[in-house]
Amino acid sequence: MEVIIFLVYFTIGSFILYIVIETAVRKGIDNSIIGQFLEKKYGVKEDKKSFLDDDLDNENKTDH
């Protein structure tokens, strides 16, 4: 029983840590000098979608 509780907490903690690190790295690259240089040089800012953008809460939203 204790092993199952540990695995649940470990999984949830790892997922939260993944989200925090992914967001920090993405914002860090976008705000860095090299990131701004590449955006200016190629003129395209690719907005990669995260798998979290595909959840059901965002399904009915429309851009106006």
Protein backbone atom coordinates (compact mmCIF):
# COMPACT_ATOMS: atom_id res chain seq x y z
CA MET A 1 0.00 0.00 0.00
CA GLU A 2 2.82 2.41 0.84
CA VAL A 3 4.50 1.66 -2.48
CA ILE A 4 1.35 2.62 -4.41
CA ILE A 5 1.05 5.91 -2.52
CA PHE A 6 4.72 6.62 -3.18
CA LEU A 7 4.31 5.93 -6.91
CA VAL A 8 1.28 8.21 -7.13
CA TYR A 9 3.10 11.08 -5.39
CA PHE A 10 6.22 10.47 -7.48
CA THR A 11 4.23 10.53 -10.73
CA ILE A 12 2.35 13.71 -9.83
CA GLY A 13 5.53 15.41 -8.63
CA SER A 14 7.43 14.43 -11.76
CA PHE A 15 4.66 15.77 -13.99
CA ILE A 16 4.59 19.11 -12.15
CA LEU A 17 8.38 19.33 -12.37
CA TYR A 18 8.22 18.60 -16.11
CA ILE A 19 5.74 21.44 -16.68
CA VAL A 20 7.84 23.91 -14.66
CA ILE A 21 11.08 23.02 -16.46
CA GLU A 22 9.47 23.05 -19.91
CA THR A 23 7.95 26.49 -19.31
CA ALA A 24 11.18 27.91 -17.92
CA VAL A 25 13.26 26.64 -20.83
CA ARG A 26 10.78 27.83 -23.45
CA LYS A 27 10.54 31.34 -21.95
CA GLY A 28 14.30 31.45 -21.45
CA ILE A 29 15.00 30.64 -25.09
CA ASP A 30 12.37 33.10 -26.34
CA ASN A 31 13.81 35.93 -24.22
CA SER A 32 17.47 35.19 -24.89
CA ILE A 33 19.63 37.16 -27.30
CA ILE A 34 20.15 34.10 -29.49
CA GLY A 35 16.42 33.37 -29.57
CA GLN A 36 15.66 36.95 -30.59
CA PHE A 37 18.42 36.83 -33.23
CA LEU A 38 17.04 33.64 -34.75
CA GLU A 39 13.52 35.03 -34.76
CA LYS A 40 14.73 38.21 -36.47
CA LYS A 41 16.93 36.32 -38.96
CA TYR A 42 14.32 33.76 -40.04
CA GLY A 43 11.27 35.93 -39.38
CA VAL A 44 9.28 32.99 -38.11
CA LYS A 45 8.43 32.39 -34.54
CA GLU A 46 7.24 28.83 -34.36
CA ASP A 47 4.74 28.48 -31.57
CA LYS A 48 5.02 24.85 -30.66
CA LYS A 49 1.91 23.52 -29.08
CA SER A 50 2.24 21.59 -25.92
CA PHE A 51 0.23 18.46 -25.42
CA LEU A 52 -1.56 20.42 -22.69
CA ASP A 53 -3.06 22.70 -25.37
CA ASP A 54 -5.08 19.79 -26.71
CA ASP A 55 -7.18 19.25 -23.62
CA LEU A 56 -10.97 19.41 -23.63
CA ASP A 57 -11.09 22.88 -22.02
CA ASN A 58 -9.54 24.44 -25.12
CA GLU A 59 -11.62 22.48 -27.61
CA ASN A 60 -14.54 24.92 -27.84
CA LYS A 61 -12.51 28.15 -27.86
CA THR A 62 -12.43 30.17 -31.05
CA ASP A 63 -10.10 32.98 -32.02
CA HIS A 64 -11.94 36.15 -33.00
